[in-house]
């Protein structure tokens, strides 16, 4: 069965849209992280290690990068976990909820639902 032109155009647009989403997900999640990490390591090495004259000659970029790769992720994870647990994350989320009308509406509906459940529970307990 042959598809009409409108259906083929829609299928093509849907396909391109999915490919765009996949591309952005791969780029933003993985390539961006890898390139950001390499860039950060190079800048850190050039500004900190190469500019300091008391650093021994045996400290090459690759040794520094290996040490950096071993130490940086655990430290970043510890700091990120602290921020989620005791830092500013909770406050940021409260601001997001106050500003975003969709979340505000959803939480209002959830509050209404909880109130209705409580009323039903009270009504059932009275009987």
N, C-alpha and C. Protein backbone atom coordinates (compact mmCIF):
# COMPACT_ATOMS: atom_id res chain seq x y z
N UNK A 1 0.84 -1.17 0.00
CA UNK A 1 0.00 0.00 0.00
C UNK A 1 0.89 1.24 0.00
N UNK A 2 0.61 2.13 -0.93
CA UNK A 2 1.41 3.33 -1.09
C UNK A 2 0.88 4.44 -0.18
N UNK A 3 1.80 5.11 0.52
CA UNK A 3 1.40 6.20 1.40
C UNK A 3 1.25 7.48 0.59
N UNK A 4 0.33 8.33 1.03
CA UNK A 4 0.21 9.60 0.33
C UNK A 4 1.33 10.55 0.77
N UNK A 5 1.46 11.65 0.07
CA UNK A 5 2.57 12.59 0.29
C UNK A 5 2.53 13.18 1.69
N UNK A 6 1.33 13.47 2.18
CA UNK A 6 1.20 14.07 3.51
C UNK A 6 1.66 13.10 4.60
N UNK A 7 1.32 11.83 4.48
CA UNK A 7 1.73 10.82 5.45
C UNK A 7 3.24 10.61 5.40
N UNK A 8 3.81 10.58 4.18
CA UNK A 8 5.26 10.43 4.05
C UNK A 8 5.98 11.62 4.67
N UNK A 9 5.45 12.83 4.45
CA UNK A 9 6.07 14.03 5.02
C UNK A 9 6.01 13.98 6.55
N UNK A 10 4.88 13.54 7.09
CA UNK A 10 4.72 13.44 8.55
C UNK A 10 5.69 12.41 9.11
N UNK A 11 5.80 11.25 8.45
CA UNK A 11 6.72 10.21 8.89
C UNK A 11 8.17 10.70 8.85
N UNK A 12 8.52 11.45 7.80
CA UNK A 12 9.87 12.00 7.68
C UNK A 12 10.14 13.01 8.79
N UNK A 13 9.18 13.89 9.06
CA UNK A 13 9.34 14.86 10.14
C UNK A 13 9.45 14.17 11.50
N UNK A 14 8.64 13.15 11.72
CA UNK A 14 8.73 12.40 12.97
C UNK A 14 10.10 11.74 13.12
N UNK A 15 10.59 11.15 12.04
CA UNK A 15 11.90 10.51 12.06
C UNK A 15 13.00 11.54 12.36
N UNK A 16 12.95 12.67 11.66
CA UNK A 16 13.96 13.72 11.89
C UNK A 16 13.88 14.26 13.31
N UNK A 17 12.67 14.38 13.83
CA UNK A 17 12.51 14.84 15.22
C UNK A 17 13.12 13.86 16.20
N UNK A 18 12.91 12.56 15.98
CA UNK A 18 13.51 11.55 16.85
C UNK A 18 15.03 11.59 16.75
N UNK A 19 15.56 11.73 15.53
CA UNK A 19 17.01 11.78 15.35
C UNK A 19 17.59 13.01 16.05
N UNK A 20 16.87 14.13 16.00
CA UNK A 20 17.31 15.35 16.68
C UNK A 20 17.37 15.13 18.18
N UNK A 21 16.34 14.50 18.74
CA UNK A 21 16.30 14.22 20.18
C UNK A 21 17.45 13.29 20.56
N UNK A 22 17.68 12.24 19.76
CA UNK A 22 18.76 11.31 20.05
C UNK A 22 20.12 12.00 19.96
N UNK A 23 20.28 12.86 18.94
CA UNK A 23 21.53 13.60 18.78
C UNK A 23 21.78 14.48 19.99
N UNK A 24 20.78 15.26 20.39
CA UNK A 24 20.95 16.17 21.52
C UNK A 24 21.22 15.40 22.81
N UNK A 25 20.56 14.28 22.98
CA UNK A 25 20.79 13.47 24.18
C UNK A 25 22.23 12.95 24.20
N UNK A 26 22.69 12.43 23.09
CA UNK A 26 24.06 11.93 23.02
C UNK A 26 25.09 13.04 23.17
N UNK A 27 24.83 14.17 22.54
CA UNK A 27 25.77 15.29 22.61
C UNK A 27 25.79 15.89 24.00
N UNK A 28 24.64 16.18 24.56
CA UNK A 28 24.57 16.84 25.85
C UNK A 28 24.98 15.94 27.00
N UNK A 29 24.70 14.66 26.89
CA UNK A 29 24.99 13.77 28.00
C UNK A 29 26.41 13.22 27.98
N UNK A 30 26.89 12.87 26.81
CA UNK A 30 28.15 12.15 26.77
C UNK A 30 29.28 12.94 26.14
N UNK A 31 29.12 13.40 24.91
CA UNK A 31 30.21 14.14 24.27
C UNK A 31 30.52 15.43 24.99
N UNK A 32 29.47 16.13 25.39
CA UNK A 32 29.69 17.38 26.11
C UNK A 32 30.46 17.11 27.40
N UNK A 33 30.08 16.07 28.11
CA UNK A 33 30.76 15.75 29.36
C UNK A 33 32.22 15.40 29.10
N UNK A 34 32.48 14.60 28.10
CA UNK A 34 33.86 14.20 27.78
C UNK A 34 34.70 15.41 27.38
N UNK A 35 34.18 16.24 26.45
CA UNK A 35 34.94 17.41 26.00
C UNK A 35 35.10 18.44 27.11
N UNK A 36 34.07 18.60 27.92
CA UNK A 36 34.16 19.52 29.04
C UNK A 36 35.24 19.05 30.01
N UNK A 37 35.27 17.76 30.29
CA UNK A 37 36.25 17.22 31.21
C UNK A 37 37.67 17.40 30.68
N UNK A 38 37.88 17.13 29.38
CA UNK A 38 39.21 17.32 28.77
C UNK A 38 39.59 18.79 28.80
N UNK A 39 38.68 19.66 28.42
CA UNK A 39 38.95 21.09 28.41
C UNK A 39 39.28 21.59 29.81
N UNK A 40 38.50 21.18 30.79
CA UNK A 40 38.74 21.60 32.17
C UNK A 40 40.10 21.13 32.65
N UNK A 41 40.46 19.89 32.32
CA UNK A 41 41.76 19.35 32.72
C UNK A 41 42.90 20.12 32.07
N UNK A 42 42.79 20.43 30.78
CA UNK A 42 43.83 21.19 30.08
C UNK A 42 43.99 22.59 30.67
N UNK A 43 42.89 23.26 30.91
CA UNK A 43 42.96 24.61 31.47
C UNK A 43 43.56 24.57 32.88
N UNK A 44 43.10 23.64 33.67
CA UNK A 44 43.60 23.49 35.04
C UNK A 44 45.10 23.24 35.03
N UNK A 45 45.54 22.34 34.15
CA UNK A 45 46.97 22.02 34.06
C UNK A 45 47.77 23.23 33.60
N UNK A 46 47.30 23.89 32.53
CA UNK A 46 48.06 25.02 31.99
C UNK A 46 48.14 26.19 32.96
N UNK A 47 47.05 26.47 33.65
CA UNK A 47 47.05 27.63 34.54
C UNK A 47 47.67 27.33 35.90
N UNK A 48 47.53 26.11 36.37
CA UNK A 48 48.04 25.80 37.71
C UNK A 48 49.42 25.17 37.68
N UNK A 49 49.60 24.15 36.89
CA UNK A 49 50.85 23.39 36.94
C UNK A 49 51.96 24.05 36.15
N UNK A 50 51.69 24.41 34.89
CA UNK A 50 52.75 24.96 34.05
C UNK A 50 53.19 26.35 34.51
N UNK A 51 52.32 27.11 35.10
CA UNK A 51 52.67 28.48 35.53
C UNK A 51 53.40 28.50 36.86
N UNK A 52 53.32 27.43 37.63
CA UNK A 52 54.04 27.36 38.90
C UNK A 52 55.42 26.80 38.65
N UNK A 53 56.44 27.52 39.07
CA UNK A 53 57.82 27.14 38.74
C UNK A 53 58.40 26.10 39.69
N UNK A 54 57.79 25.90 40.84
CA UNK A 54 58.34 24.94 41.79
C UNK A 54 57.82 23.53 41.58
N UNK A 55 57.04 23.32 40.55
CA UNK A 55 56.54 21.99 40.22
C UNK A 55 57.66 21.21 39.53
N UNK A 56 57.92 19.98 39.94
CA UNK A 56 59.00 19.20 39.33
C UNK A 56 58.76 18.93 37.84
N UNK A 57 59.84 18.68 37.14
CA UNK A 57 59.80 18.43 35.70
C UNK A 57 59.05 17.14 35.35
N UNK A 58 59.05 16.17 36.24
CA UNK A 58 58.43 14.88 35.94
C UNK A 58 56.91 14.92 35.92
N UNK A 59 56.34 16.06 36.34
CA UNK A 59 54.88 16.17 36.33
C UNK A 59 54.44 16.55 34.91
N UNK A 60 54.15 15.55 34.11
CA UNK A 60 53.69 15.80 32.74
C UNK A 60 52.17 15.93 32.74
N UNK A 61 51.64 16.33 31.61
CA UNK A 61 50.20 16.48 31.51
C UNK A 61 49.49 15.15 31.74
N UNK A 62 50.04 14.06 31.20
CA UNK A 62 49.37 12.77 31.30
C UNK A 62 49.34 12.26 32.73
N UNK A 63 50.40 12.50 33.48
CA UNK A 63 50.40 12.12 34.89
C UNK A 63 49.39 12.96 35.67
N UNK A 64 49.39 14.25 35.36
CA UNK A 64 48.42 15.13 36.01
C UNK A 64 46.99 14.72 35.65
N UNK A 65 46.74 14.42 34.37
CA UNK A 65 45.40 14.04 33.92
C UNK A 65 44.95 12.75 34.61
N UNK A 66 45.84 11.80 34.74
CA UNK A 66 45.49 10.55 35.41
C UNK A 66 45.13 10.80 36.88
N UNK A 67 45.95 11.59 37.56
CA UNK A 67 45.66 11.94 38.94
C UNK A 67 44.35 12.71 39.06
N UNK A 68 44.14 13.62 38.12
CA UNK A 68 42.92 14.43 38.11
C UNK A 68 41.69 13.55 37.90
N UNK A 69 41.77 12.62 36.96
CA UNK A 69 40.65 11.72 36.66
C UNK A 69 40.34 10.82 37.86
N UNK A 70 41.36 10.45 38.61
CA UNK A 70 41.15 9.61 39.78
C UNK A 70 40.54 10.40 40.94
N UNK A 71 40.97 11.65 41.14
CA UNK A 71 40.53 12.41 42.30
C UNK A 71 39.28 13.26 42.07
N UNK A 72 39.14 13.84 40.90
CA UNK A 72 38.06 14.81 40.67
C UNK A 72 36.65 14.22 40.76
N UNK A 73 36.33 13.10 40.09
CA UNK A 73 34.96 12.58 40.18
C UNK A 73 34.49 12.26 41.60
N UNK A 74 35.29 11.59 42.43
CA UNK A 74 34.79 11.34 43.79
C UNK A 74 34.54 12.63 44.58
N UNK A 75 35.42 13.61 44.42
CA UNK A 75 35.23 14.88 45.13
C UNK A 75 33.97 15.57 44.62
N UNK A 76 33.76 15.57 43.31
CA UNK A 76 32.55 16.19 42.75
C UNK A 76 31.29 15.46 43.20
N UNK A 77 31.34 14.14 43.30
CA UNK A 77 30.20 13.36 43.77
C UNK A 77 29.89 13.69 45.23
N UNK A 78 30.91 13.79 46.05
CA UNK A 78 30.71 14.13 47.46
C UNK A 78 30.09 15.52 47.60
N UNK A 79 30.60 16.48 46.85
CA UNK A 79 30.05 17.83 46.90
C UNK A 79 28.61 17.86 46.38
N UNK A 80 28.35 17.16 45.28
CA UNK A 80 26.99 17.10 44.73
C UNK A 80 26.02 16.45 45.69
N UNK A 81 26.43 15.38 46.34
CA UNK A 81 25.57 14.70 47.32
C UNK A 81 25.27 15.62 48.49
N UNK A 82 26.30 16.32 48.96
CA UNK A 82 26.10 17.27 50.06
C UNK A 82 25.10 18.35 49.65
N UNK A 83 25.22 18.85 48.41
CA UNK A 83 24.31 19.89 47.94
C UNK A 83 22.88 19.38 47.89
N UNK A 84 22.68 18.14 47.44
CA UNK A 84 21.33 17.56 47.42
C UNK A 84 20.78 17.39 48.82
N UNK A 85 21.62 16.92 49.74
CA UNK A 85 21.14 16.59 51.08
C UNK A 85 21.00 17.82 51.98
N UNK A 86 22.02 18.68 52.00
CA UNK A 86 22.04 19.77 52.98
C UNK A 86 22.31 21.14 52.36
N UNK A 87 22.47 21.20 51.06
CA UNK A 87 22.83 22.45 50.41
C UNK A 87 21.65 23.23 49.88
N UNK A 88 21.85 23.82 48.73
CA UNK A 88 20.87 24.74 48.15
C UNK A 88 19.83 24.07 47.26
N UNK A 89 19.94 22.78 47.01
CA UNK A 89 19.05 22.10 46.06
C UNK A 89 17.59 22.24 46.46
N UNK A 90 17.28 22.06 47.73
CA UNK A 90 15.90 22.13 48.18
C UNK A 90 15.32 23.52 47.93
N UNK A 91 16.08 24.54 48.22
CA UNK A 91 15.63 25.90 47.97
C UNK A 91 15.42 26.18 46.49
N UNK A 92 16.31 25.67 45.66
CA UNK A 92 16.18 25.84 44.22
C UNK A 92 14.89 25.19 43.71
N UNK A 93 14.59 24.01 44.22
CA UNK A 93 13.38 23.31 43.81
C UNK A 93 12.13 24.05 44.27
N UNK A 94 12.17 24.62 45.45
CA UNK A 94 11.02 25.39 45.95
C UNK A 94 10.76 26.60 45.06
N UNK A 95 11.83 27.26 44.62
CA UNK A 95 11.68 28.40 43.71
C UNK A 95 11.11 27.93 42.38
N UNK A 96 11.62 26.81 41.85
CA UNK A 96 11.11 26.27 40.60
C UNK A 96 9.61 25.97 40.70
N UNK A 97 9.21 25.38 41.82
CA UNK A 97 7.79 25.05 42.00
C UNK A 97 6.94 26.31 42.07
N UNK A 98 7.47 27.35 42.69
CA UNK A 98 6.71 28.59 42.82
C UNK A 98 6.59 29.32 41.48
N UNK A 99 7.59 29.17 40.63
CA UNK A 99 7.62 29.90 39.37
C UNK A 99 6.93 29.15 38.25
N UNK A 100 7.05 27.83 38.22
CA UNK A 100 6.53 27.03 37.12
C UNK A 100 5.03 26.78 37.30
N UNK A 101 4.20 27.32 36.40
CA UNK A 101 2.75 27.17 36.57
C UNK A 101 2.26 25.73 36.43
N UNK A 102 2.93 24.91 35.64
CA UNK A 102 2.51 23.51 35.49
C UNK A 102 2.69 22.75 36.79
N UNK A 103 3.84 22.91 37.43
CA UNK A 103 4.06 22.23 38.70
C UNK A 103 3.12 22.76 39.78
N UNK A 104 2.91 24.06 39.75
CA UNK A 104 2.00 24.67 40.72
C UNK A 104 0.60 24.06 40.59
N UNK A 105 0.14 23.93 39.36
CA UNK A 105 -1.18 23.34 39.09
C UNK A 105 -1.23 21.89 39.52
N UNK A 106 -0.18 21.12 39.22
CA UNK A 106 -0.14 19.71 39.61
C UNK A 106 -0.16 19.54 41.12
N UNK A 107 0.60 20.36 41.83
CA UNK A 107 0.62 20.24 43.28
C UNK A 107 -0.70 20.71 43.89
N UNK A 108 -1.34 21.67 43.24
CA UNK A 108 -2.66 22.09 43.72
C UNK A 108 -3.66 20.94 43.55
N UNK A 109 -3.60 20.26 42.42
CA UNK A 109 -4.47 19.10 42.20
C UNK A 109 -4.17 17.99 43.21
N UNK A 110 -2.90 17.78 43.49
CA UNK A 110 -2.51 16.77 44.47
C UNK A 110 -3.05 17.12 45.86
N UNK A 111 -2.96 18.38 46.24
CA UNK A 111 -3.52 18.82 47.52
C UNK A 111 -5.03 18.61 47.55
N UNK A 112 -5.71 18.94 46.45
CA UNK A 112 -7.16 18.73 46.38
C UNK A 112 -7.50 17.25 46.52
N UNK A 113 -6.72 16.40 45.84
CA UNK A 113 -6.94 14.96 45.91
C UNK A 113 -6.74 14.44 47.33
N UNK A 114 -5.68 14.90 47.99
CA UNK A 114 -5.43 14.48 49.37
C UNK A 114 -6.58 14.92 50.29
N UNK A 115 -7.08 16.12 50.08
CA UNK A 115 -8.19 16.61 50.88
C UNK A 115 -9.45 15.77 50.65
N UNK A 116 -9.72 15.42 49.40
CA UNK A 116 -10.88 14.59 49.08
C UNK A 116 -10.74 13.19 49.69
N UNK A 117 -9.55 12.63 49.66
CA UNK A 117 -9.32 11.32 50.26
C UNK A 117 -9.54 11.39 51.77
N UNK A 118 -9.08 12.45 52.38
CA UNK A 118 -9.28 12.61 53.82
C UNK A 118 -10.77 12.74 54.14
N UNK A 119 -11.49 13.51 53.33
CA UNK A 119 -12.94 13.66 53.54
C UNK A 119 -13.65 12.31 53.38
N UNK A 120 -13.27 11.54 52.37
CA UNK A 120 -13.88 10.22 52.17
C UNK A 120 -13.56 9.28 53.33
N UNK A 121 -12.34 9.34 53.80
CA UNK A 121 -11.94 8.50 54.93
C UNK A 121 -12.75 8.87 56.17
N UNK A 122 -12.91 10.19 56.42
CA UNK A 122 -13.71 10.63 57.56
C UNK A 122 -15.17 10.20 57.41
N UNK A 123 -15.68 10.30 56.20
CA UNK A 123 -17.06 9.89 55.95
C UNK A 123 -17.27 8.40 56.19
N UNK A 124 -16.31 7.59 55.74
CA UNK A 124 -16.38 6.15 55.94
C UNK A 124 -16.24 5.76 57.41
N UNK A 125 -15.42 6.49 58.13
CA UNK A 125 -15.24 6.19 59.55
C UNK A 125 -16.45 6.58 60.39
N UNK A 126 -17.24 7.53 59.92
CA UNK A 126 -18.44 7.96 60.64
C UNK A 126 -19.54 6.89 60.57
N UNK A 127 -19.55 6.12 59.52
CA UNK A 127 -20.63 5.11 59.33
C UNK A 127 -20.41 3.93 60.16
